[in-house]
Amino acid sequence: MVEKKVCITNEIGLHARAASKFLNEAVKYKSNIEFIKDNKKYSGKSIISILSLSAHKGCELILRCDGEDEQLALEKLSELIESGLDY
């Protein structure tokens, strides 16, 4: 299991389009992917769960990956978040 603190940089937060972009990348990995916010876990492979985070710009989350491709998943997904998830 690997994890990293990430900060939402998108101007309007982790909104539907940004969440969809994250999800499309997350499902490429076999690892379990989750966010942790305020000691609660949210699936990184569920659009409803991602939107439930209500993550605004500047919000800090823990991104956790657990599985056979966990390191690659963590690197790619954290880069995606930190890039702003813009289209």
PDB file of N, CA and C in Angstrom:
ATOM      1  N   MET A   1       0.853  -1.171   0.000  1.00  0.00           N
ATOM      2  CA  MET A   1       0.000   0.000   0.000  1.00  0.00           C
ATOM      3  C   MET A   1       0.901   1.238   0.000  1.00  0.00           C
ATOM      4  N   VAL A   2       0.552   2.186  -0.873  1.00  0.00           N
ATOM      5  CA  VAL A   2       1.271   3.460  -0.951  1.00  0.00           C
ATOM      6  C   VAL A   2       0.248   4.583  -0.905  1.00  0.00           C
ATOM      7  N   GLU A   3       0.679   5.717  -0.377  1.00  0.00           N
ATOM      8  CA  GLU A   3      -0.233   6.857  -0.324  1.00  0.00           C
ATOM      9  C   GLU A   3       0.547   8.151  -0.415  1.00  0.00           C
ATOM     10  N   LYS A   4      -0.184   9.200  -0.781  1.00  0.00           N
ATOM     11  CA  LYS A   4       0.426  10.511  -0.957  1.00  0.00           C
ATOM     12  C   LYS A   4      -0.620  11.580  -0.675  1.00  0.00           C
ATOM     13  N   LYS A   5      -0.188  12.650  -0.028  1.00  0.00           N
ATOM     14  CA  LYS A   5      -1.082  13.787   0.177  1.00  0.00           C
ATOM     15  C   LYS A   5      -1.101  14.590  -1.121  1.00  0.00           C
ATOM     16  N   VAL A   6      -2.297  14.871  -1.614  1.00  0.00           N
ATOM     17  CA  VAL A   6      -2.455  15.653  -2.842  1.00  0.00           C
ATOM     18  C   VAL A   6      -3.343  16.855  -2.552  1.00  0.00           C
ATOM     19  N   CYS A   7      -3.147  17.888  -3.335  1.00  0.00           N
ATOM     20  CA  CYS A   7      -3.922  19.115  -3.173  1.00  0.00           C
ATOM     21  C   CYS A   7      -4.694  19.378  -4.463  1.00  0.00           C
ATOM     22  N   ILE A   8      -5.970  19.657  -4.342  1.00  0.00           N
ATOM     23  CA  ILE A   8      -6.800  19.963  -5.506  1.00  0.00           C
ATOM     24  C   ILE A   8      -6.420  21.352  -6.013  1.00  0.00           C
ATOM     25  N   THR A   9      -6.008  21.425  -7.279  1.00  0.00           N
ATOM     26  CA  THR A   9      -5.569  22.696  -7.858  1.00  0.00           C
ATOM     27  C   THR A   9      -6.552  23.253  -8.879  1.00  0.00           C
ATOM     28  N   ASN A  10      -7.535  22.456  -9.270  1.00  0.00           N
ATOM     29  CA  ASN A  10      -8.529  22.918 -10.235  1.00  0.00           C
ATOM     30  C   ASN A  10      -9.305  24.094  -9.643  1.00  0.00           C
ATOM     31  N   GLU A  11      -9.497  25.130 -10.425  1.00  0.00           N
ATOM     32  CA  GLU A  11     -10.150  26.359  -9.952  1.00  0.00           C
ATOM     33  C   GLU A  11     -11.521  26.123  -9.333  1.00  0.00           C
ATOM     34  N   ILE A  12     -12.274  25.167  -9.872  1.00  0.00           N
ATOM     35  CA  ILE A  12     -13.615  24.925  -9.329  1.00  0.00           C
ATOM     36  C   ILE A  12     -13.704  23.593  -8.586  1.00  0.00           C
ATOM     37  N   GLY A  13     -12.553  23.066  -8.199  1.00  0.00           N
ATOM     38  CA  GLY A  13     -12.524  21.860  -7.389  1.00  0.00           C
ATOM     39  C   GLY A  13     -12.712  20.585  -8.190  1.00  0.00           C
ATOM     40  N   LEU A  14     -13.026  19.540  -7.490  1.00  0.00           N
ATOM     41  CA  LEU A  14     -13.196  18.224  -8.104  1.00  0.00           C
ATOM     42  C   LEU A  14     -14.654  18.072  -8.531  1.00  0.00           C
ATOM     43  N   HIS A  15     -15.013  18.794  -9.585  1.00  0.00           N
ATOM     44  CA  HIS A  15     -16.373  18.819 -10.122  1.00  0.00           C
ATOM     45  C   HIS A  15     -16.607  17.608 -11.028  1.00  0.00           C
ATOM     46  N   ALA A  16     -17.769  17.507 -11.611  1.00  0.00           N
ATOM     47  CA  ALA A  16     -18.153  16.314 -12.378  1.00  0.00           C
ATOM     48  C   ALA A  16     -17.196  15.992 -13.525  1.00  0.00           C
ATOM     49  N   ARG A  17     -16.811  16.975 -14.308  1.00  0.00           N
ATOM     50  CA  ARG A  17     -15.929  16.708 -15.447  1.00  0.00           C
ATOM     51  C   ARG A  17     -14.543  16.267 -14.973  1.00  0.00           C
ATOM     52  N   ALA A  18     -14.026  16.939 -13.951  1.00  0.00           N
ATOM     53  CA  ALA A  18     -12.718  16.575 -13.399  1.00  0.00           C
ATOM     54  C   ALA A  18     -12.771  15.184 -12.758  1.00  0.00           C
ATOM     55  N   ALA A  19     -13.847  14.889 -12.062  1.00  0.00           N
ATOM     56  CA  ALA A  19     -14.015  13.577 -11.434  1.00  0.00           C
ATOM     57  C   ALA A  19     -14.080  12.482 -12.497  1.00  0.00           C
ATOM     58  N   SER A  20     -14.751  12.769 -13.595  1.00  0.00           N
ATOM     59  CA  SER A  20     -14.855  11.814 -14.692  1.00  0.00           C
ATOM     60  C   SER A  20     -13.486  11.549 -15.313  1.00  0.00           C
ATOM     61  N   LYS A  21     -12.704  12.596 -15.467  1.00  0.00           N
ATOM     62  CA  LYS A  21     -11.358  12.439 -16.022  1.00  0.00           C
ATOM     63  C   LYS A  21     -10.505  11.575 -15.094  1.00  0.00           C
ATOM     64  N   PHE A  22     -10.595  11.827 -13.790  1.00  0.00           N
ATOM     65  CA  PHE A  22      -9.853  11.015 -12.823  1.00  0.00           C
ATOM     66  C   PHE A  22     -10.303   9.560 -12.906  1.00  0.00           C
ATOM     67  N   LEU A  23     -11.596   9.340 -12.911  1.00  0.00           N
ATOM     68  CA  LEU A  23     -12.154   7.991 -12.952  1.00  0.00           C
ATOM     69  C   LEU A  23     -11.698   7.230 -14.195  1.00  0.00           C
ATOM     70  N   ASN A  24     -11.711   7.892 -15.343  1.00  0.00           N
ATOM     71  CA  ASN A  24     -11.284   7.249 -16.588  1.00  0.00           C
ATOM     72  C   ASN A  24      -9.841   6.771 -16.512  1.00  0.00           C
ATOM     73  N   GLU A  25      -9.012   7.485 -15.777  1.00  0.00           N
ATOM     74  CA  GLU A  25      -7.623   7.058 -15.582  1.00  0.00           C
ATOM     75  C   GLU A  25      -7.538   5.973 -14.506  1.00  0.00           C
ATOM     76  N   ALA A  26      -8.267   6.135 -13.421  1.00  0.00           N
ATOM     77  CA  ALA A  26      -8.192   5.204 -12.286  1.00  0.00           C
ATOM     78  C   ALA A  26      -8.586   3.779 -12.666  1.00  0.00           C
ATOM     79  N   VAL A  27      -9.579   3.632 -13.530  1.00  0.00           N
ATOM     80  CA  VAL A  27     -10.046   2.281 -13.882  1.00  0.00           C
ATOM     81  C   VAL A  27      -9.035   1.513 -14.734  1.00  0.00           C
ATOM     82  N   LYS A  28      -7.986   2.169 -15.181  1.00  0.00           N
ATOM     83  CA  LYS A  28      -6.936   1.495 -15.950  1.00  0.00           C
ATOM     84  C   LYS A  28      -6.043   0.630 -15.058  1.00  0.00           C
ATOM     85  N   TYR A  29      -6.121   0.837 -13.752  1.00  0.00           N
ATOM     86  CA  TYR A  29      -5.237   0.145 -12.817  1.00  0.00           C
ATOM     87  C   TYR A  29      -5.978  -0.954 -12.060  1.00  0.00           C
ATOM     88  N   LYS A  30      -5.253  -2.020 -11.762  1.00  0.00           N
ATOM     89  CA  LYS A  30      -5.832  -3.139 -11.022  1.00  0.00           C
ATOM     90  C   LYS A  30      -5.917  -2.846  -9.529  1.00  0.00           C
ATOM     91  N   SER A  31      -5.094  -1.930  -9.062  1.00  0.00           N
ATOM     92  CA  SER A  31      -5.047  -1.611  -7.634  1.00  0.00           C
ATOM     93  C   SER A  31      -6.349  -1.000  -7.139  1.00  0.00           C
ATOM     94  N   ASN A  32      -6.607  -1.198  -5.856  1.00  0.00           N
ATOM     95  CA  ASN A  32      -7.696  -0.495  -5.186  1.00  0.00           C
ATOM     96  C   ASN A  32      -7.237   0.949  -5.004  1.00  0.00           C
ATOM     97  N   ILE A  33      -8.090   1.895  -5.340  1.00  0.00           N
ATOM     98  CA  ILE A  33      -7.745   3.310  -5.259  1.00  0.00           C
ATOM     99  C   ILE A  33      -8.783   4.001  -4.397  1.00  0.00           C
ATOM    100  N   GLU A  34      -8.294   4.765  -3.425  1.00  0.00           N
ATOM    101  CA  GLU A  34      -9.233   5.487  -2.571  1.00  0.00           C
ATOM    102  C   GLU A  34      -8.653   6.821  -2.129  1.00  0.00           C
ATOM    103  N   PHE A  35      -9.566   7.715  -1.809  1.00  0.00           N
ATOM    104  CA  PHE A  35      -9.218   8.997  -1.211  1.00  0.00           C
ATOM    105  C   PHE A  35      -9.563   8.919   0.263  1.00  0.00           C
ATOM    106  N   ILE A  36      -8.815   9.647   1.067  1.00  0.00           N
ATOM    107  CA  ILE A  36      -9.143   9.781   2.482  1.00  0.00           C
ATOM    108  C   ILE A  36      -9.256  11.270   2.774  1.00  0.00           C
ATOM    109  N   LYS A  37     -10.405  11.648   3.327  1.00  0.00           N
ATOM    110  CA  LYS A  37     -10.668  13.034   3.708  1.00  0.00           C
ATOM    111  C   LYS A  37     -11.372  13.009   5.057  1.00  0.00           C
ATOM    112  N   ASP A  38     -10.835  13.746   6.005  1.00  0.00           N
ATOM    113  CA  ASP A  38     -11.421  13.797   7.354  1.00  0.00           C
ATOM    114  C   ASP A  38     -11.631  12.395   7.936  1.00  0.00           C
ATOM    115  N   ASN A  39     -10.633  11.539   7.751  1.00  0.00           N
ATOM    116  CA  ASN A  39     -10.642  10.157   8.261  1.00  0.00           C
ATOM    117  C   ASN A  39     -11.744   9.279   7.670  1.00  0.00           C
ATOM    118  N   LYS A  40     -12.328   9.693   6.558  1.00  0.00           N
ATOM    119  CA  LYS A  40     -13.324   8.879   5.853  1.00  0.00           C
ATOM    120  C   LYS A  40     -12.725   8.433   4.525  1.00  0.00           C
ATOM    121  N   LYS A  41     -13.053   7.216   4.111  1.00  0.00           N
ATOM    122  CA  LYS A  41     -12.548   6.660   2.861  1.00  0.00           C
ATOM    123  C   LYS A  41     -13.592   6.802   1.760  1.00  0.00           C
ATOM    124  N   TYR A  42     -13.097   7.137   0.556  1.00  0.00           N
ATOM    125  CA  TYR A  42     -13.945   7.298  -0.622  1.00  0.00           C
ATOM    126  C   TYR A  42     -13.301   6.531  -1.773  1.00  0.00           C
ATOM    127  N   SER A  43     -14.066   5.732  -2.460  1.00  0.00           N
ATOM    128  CA  SER A  43     -13.538   4.962  -3.585  1.00  0.00           C
ATOM    129  C   SER A  43     -13.114   5.889  -4.720  1.00  0.00           C
ATOM    130  N   GLY A  44     -11.923   5.639  -5.242  1.00  0.00           N
ATOM    131  CA  GLY A  44     -11.425   6.396  -6.387  1.00  0.00           C
ATOM    132  C   GLY A  44     -11.909   5.832  -7.705  1.00  0.00           C
ATOM    133  N   LYS A  45     -12.726   4.783  -7.638  1.00  0.00           N
ATOM    134  CA  LYS A  45     -13.264   4.170  -8.848  1.00  0.00           C
ATOM    135  C   LYS A  45     -14.780   4.261  -8.900  1.00  0.00           C
ATOM    136  N   SER A  46     -15.330   5.228  -8.178  1.00  0.00           N
ATOM    137  CA  SER A  46     -16.777   5.464  -8.164  1.00  0.00           C
ATOM    138  C   SER A  46     -17.030   6.957  -8.328  1.00  0.00           C
ATOM    139  N   ILE A  47     -17.735   7.334  -9.375  1.00  0.00           N
ATOM    140  CA  ILE A  47     -18.010   8.753  -9.619  1.00  0.00           C
ATOM    141  C   ILE A  47     -18.804   9.361  -8.465  1.00  0.00           C
ATOM    142  N   ILE A  48     -19.745   8.622  -7.927  1.00  0.00           N
ATOM    143  CA  ILE A  48     -20.547   9.122  -6.803  1.00  0.00           C
ATOM    144  C   ILE A  48     -19.658   9.366  -5.587  1.00  0.00           C
ATOM    145  N   SER A  49     -18.776   8.430  -5.320  1.00  0.00           N
ATOM    146  CA  SER A  49     -17.872   8.557  -4.182  1.00  0.00           C
ATOM    147  C   SER A  49     -16.929   9.749  -4.355  1.00  0.00           C
ATOM    148  N   ILE A  50     -16.397   9.921  -5.555  1.00  0.00           N
ATOM    149  CA  ILE A  50     -15.480  11.041  -5.823  1.00  0.00           C
ATOM    150  C   ILE A  50     -16.209  12.366  -5.649  1.00  0.00           C
ATOM    151  N   LEU A  51     -17.413  12.470  -6.187  1.00  0.00           N
ATOM    152  CA  LEU A  51     -18.179  13.713  -6.049  1.00  0.00           C
ATOM    153  C   LEU A  51     -18.572  13.965  -4.595  1.00  0.00           C
ATOM    154  N   SER A  52     -18.754  12.897  -3.826  1.00  0.00           N
ATOM    155  CA  SER A  52     -19.111  13.030  -2.406  1.00  0.00           C
ATOM    156  C   SER A  52     -18.005  13.674  -1.579  1.00  0.00           C
ATOM    157  N   LEU A  53     -16.800  13.693  -2.114  1.00  0.00           N
ATOM    158  CA  LEU A  53     -15.688  14.337  -1.415  1.00  0.00           C
ATOM    159  C   LEU A  53     -15.928  15.835  -1.220  1.00  0.00           C
ATOM    160  N   SER A  54     -16.675  16.438  -2.147  1.00  0.00           N
ATOM    161  CA  SER A  54     -16.880  17.896  -2.134  1.00  0.00           C
ATOM    162  C   SER A  54     -15.540  18.612  -1.995  1.00  0.00           C
ATOM    163  N   ALA A  55     -14.589  18.200  -2.825  1.00  0.00           N
ATOM    164  CA  ALA A  55     -13.228  18.728  -2.739  1.00  0.00           C
ATOM    165  C   ALA A  55     -13.101  20.017  -3.549  1.00  0.00           C
ATOM    166  N   HIS A  56     -12.864  21.105  -2.868  1.00  0.00           N
ATOM    167  CA  HIS A  56     -12.713  22.420  -3.486  1.00  0.00           C
ATOM    168  C   HIS A  56     -11.236  22.705  -3.757  1.00  0.00           C
ATOM    169  N   LYS A  57     -10.963  23.773  -4.482  1.00  0.00           N
ATOM    170  CA  LYS A  57      -9.577  24.166  -4.738  1.00  0.00           C
ATOM    171  C   LYS A  57      -8.872  24.377  -3.403  1.00  0.00           C
ATOM    172  N   GLY A  58      -7.685  23.802  -3.277  1.00  0.00           N
ATOM    173  CA  GLY A  58      -6.904  23.919  -2.058  1.00  0.00           C
ATOM    174  C   GLY A  58      -7.149  22.803  -1.056  1.00  0.00           C
ATOM    175  N   CYS A  59      -8.151  21.992  -1.308  1.00  0.00           N
ATOM    176  CA  CYS A  59      -8.478  20.875  -0.414  1.00  0.00           C
ATOM    177  C   CYS A  59      -7.350  19.832  -0.472  1.00  0.00           C
ATOM    178  N   GLU A  60      -6.898  19.390   0.687  1.00  0.00           N
ATOM    179  CA  GLU A  60      -5.878  18.354   0.751  1.00  0.00           C
ATOM    180  C   GLU A  60      -6.525  17.010   1.055  1.00  0.00           C
ATOM    181  N   LEU A  61      -6.143  16.022   0.262  1.00  0.00           N
ATOM    182  CA  LEU A  61      -6.666  14.665   0.388  1.00  0.00           C
ATOM    183  C   LEU A  61      -5.499  13.700   0.435  1.00  0.00           C
ATOM    184  N   ILE A  62      -5.733  12.525   0.956  1.00  0.00           N
ATOM    185  CA  ILE A  62      -4.747  11.459   0.844  1.00  0.00           C
ATOM    186  C   ILE A  62      -5.231  10.526  -0.255  1.00  0.00           C
ATOM    187  N   LEU A  63      -4.354  10.268  -1.219  1.00  0.00           N
ATOM    188  CA  LEU A  63      -4.631   9.319  -2.290  1.00  0.00           C
ATOM    189  C   LEU A  63      -3.910   8.029  -1.924  1.00  0.00           C
ATOM    190  N   ARG A  64      -4.647   6.936  -1.814  1.00  0.00           N
ATOM    191  CA  ARG A  64      -4.073   5.651  -1.416  1.00  0.00           C
ATOM    192  C   ARG A  64      -4.319   4.626  -2.513  1.00  0.00           C
ATOM    193  N   CYS A  65      -3.269   3.886  -2.858  1.00  0.00           N
ATOM    194  CA  CYS A  65      -3.363   2.821  -3.855  1.00  0.00           C
ATOM    195  C   CYS A  65      -2.813   1.544  -3.238  1.00  0.00           C
ATOM    196  N   ASP A  66      -3.497   0.441  -3.491  1.00  0.00           N
ATOM    197  CA  ASP A  66      -3.102  -0.835  -2.910  1.00  0.00           C
ATOM    198  C   ASP A  66      -3.334  -1.941  -3.931  1.00  0.00           C
ATOM    199  N   GLY A  67      -2.241  -2.561  -4.383  1.00  0.00           N
ATOM    200  CA  GLY A  67      -2.361  -3.644  -5.351  1.00  0.00           C
ATOM    201  C   GLY A  67      -1.094  -3.797  -6.164  1.00  0.00           C
ATOM    202  N   GLU A  68      -1.179  -4.629  -7.185  1.00  0.00           N
ATOM    203  CA  GLU A  68       0.021  -4.983  -7.943  1.00  0.00           C
ATOM    204  C   GLU A  68       0.639  -3.826  -8.726  1.00  0.00           C
ATOM    205  N   ASP A  69      -0.143  -2.833  -9.108  1.00  0.00           N
ATOM    206  CA  ASP A  69       0.408  -1.690  -9.851  1.00  0.00           C
ATOM    207  C   ASP A  69       0.257  -0.391  -9.047  1.00  0.00           C
ATOM    208  N   GLU A  70       0.315  -0.518  -7.723  1.00  0.00           N
ATOM    209  CA  GLU A  70       0.048   0.608  -6.824  1.00  0.00           C
ATOM    210  C   GLU A  70       0.975   1.797  -7.032  1.00  0.00           C
ATOM    211  N   GLN A  71       2.270   1.541  -7.234  1.00  0.00           N
ATOM    212  CA  GLN A  71       3.215   2.654  -7.370  1.00  0.00           C
ATOM    213  C   GLN A  71       2.941   3.449  -8.644  1.00  0.00           C
ATOM    214  N   LEU A  72       2.740   2.756  -9.752  1.00  0.00           N
ATOM    215  CA  LEU A  72       2.440   3.425 -11.015  1.00  0.00           C
ATOM    216  C   LEU A  72       1.123   4.187 -10.916  1.00  0.00           C
ATOM    217  N   ALA A  73       0.126   3.569 -10.334  1.00  0.00           N
ATOM    218  CA  ALA A  73      -1.178   4.221 -10.171  1.00  0.00           C
ATOM    219  C   ALA A  73      -1.041   5.493  -9.344  1.00  0.00           C
ATOM    220  N   LEU A  74      -0.312   5.417  -8.244  1.00  0.00           N
ATOM    221  CA  LEU A  74      -0.137   6.586  -7.381  1.00  0.00           C
ATOM    222  C   LEU A  74       0.568   7.715  -8.122  1.00  0.00           C
ATOM    223  N   GLU A  75       1.618   7.381  -8.848  1.00  0.00           N
ATOM    224  CA  GLU A  75       2.366   8.403  -9.592  1.00  0.00           C
ATOM    225  C   GLU A  75       1.483   9.087 -10.632  1.00  0.00           C
ATOM    226  N   LYS A  76       0.825   8.302 -11.457  1.00  0.00           N
ATOM    227  CA  LYS A  76       0.030   8.855 -12.556  1.00  0.00           C
ATOM    228  C   LYS A  76      -1.189   9.626 -12.054  1.00  0.00           C
ATOM    229  N   LEU A  77      -1.874   9.072 -11.066  1.00  0.00           N
ATOM    230  CA  LEU A  77      -3.091   9.722 -10.571  1.00  0.00           C
ATOM    231  C   LEU A  77      -2.777  10.986  -9.772  1.00  0.00           C
ATOM    232  N   SER A  78      -1.702  10.976  -9.013  1.00  0.00           N
ATOM    233  CA  SER A  78      -1.343  12.192  -8.273  1.00  0.00           C
ATOM    234  C   SER A  78      -0.887  13.285  -9.236  1.00  0.00           C
ATOM    235  N   GLU A  79      -0.174  12.916 -10.299  1.00  0.00           N
ATOM    236  CA  GLU A  79       0.212  13.893 -11.327  1.00  0.00           C
ATOM    237  C   GLU A  79      -1.026  14.499 -11.975  1.00  0.00           C
ATOM    238  N   LEU A  80      -2.003  13.671 -12.258  1.00  0.00           N
ATOM    239  CA  LEU A  80      -3.238  14.132 -12.881  1.00  0.00           C
ATOM    240  C   LEU A  80      -3.958  15.134 -11.982  1.00  0.00           C
ATOM    241  N   ILE A  81      -4.060  14.829 -10.708  1.00  0.00           N
ATOM    242  CA  ILE A  81      -4.716  15.740  -9.763  1.00  0.00           C
ATOM    243  C   ILE A  81      -3.956  17.053  -9.669  1.00  0.00           C
ATOM    244  N   GLU A  82      -2.644  16.963  -9.536  1.00  0.00           N
ATOM    245  CA  GLU A  82      -1.830  18.161  -9.363  1.00  0.00           C
ATOM    246  C   GLU A  82      -1.753  19.006 -10.627  1.00  0.00           C
ATOM    247  N   SER A  83      -2.069  18.410 -11.783  1.00  0.00           N
ATOM    248  CA  SER A  83      -2.088  19.171 -13.040  1.00  0.00           C
ATOM    249  C   SER A  83      -3.377  19.974 -13.188  1.00  0.00           C
ATOM    250  N   GLY A  84      -4.329  19.753 -12.302  1.00  0.00           N
ATOM    251  CA  GLY A  84      -5.578  20.508 -12.326  1.00  0.00           C
ATOM    252  C   GLY A  84      -6.750  19.778 -12.944  1.00  0.00           C
ATOM    253  N   LEU A  85      -6.522  18.592 -13.502  1.00  0.00           N
ATOM    254  CA  LEU A  85      -7.603  17.803 -14.108  1.00  0.00           C
ATOM    255  C   LEU A  85      -8.379  18.579 -15.165  1.00  0.00           C
ATOM    256  N   ASP A  86      -7.711  19.468 -15.850  1.00  0.00           N
ATOM    257  CA  ASP A  86      -8.380  20.275 -16.874  1.00  0.00           C
ATOM    258  C   ASP A  86      -8.467  19.522 -18.188  1.00  0.00           C
ATOM    259  N   TYR A  87      -9.498  19.841 -18.927  1.00  0.00           N
ATOM    260  CA  TYR A  87      -9.640  19.301 -20.279  1.00  0.00           C
ATOM    261  C   TYR A  87      -8.960  20.232 -21.241  1.00  0.00           C
TER     262      TYR A  87
END
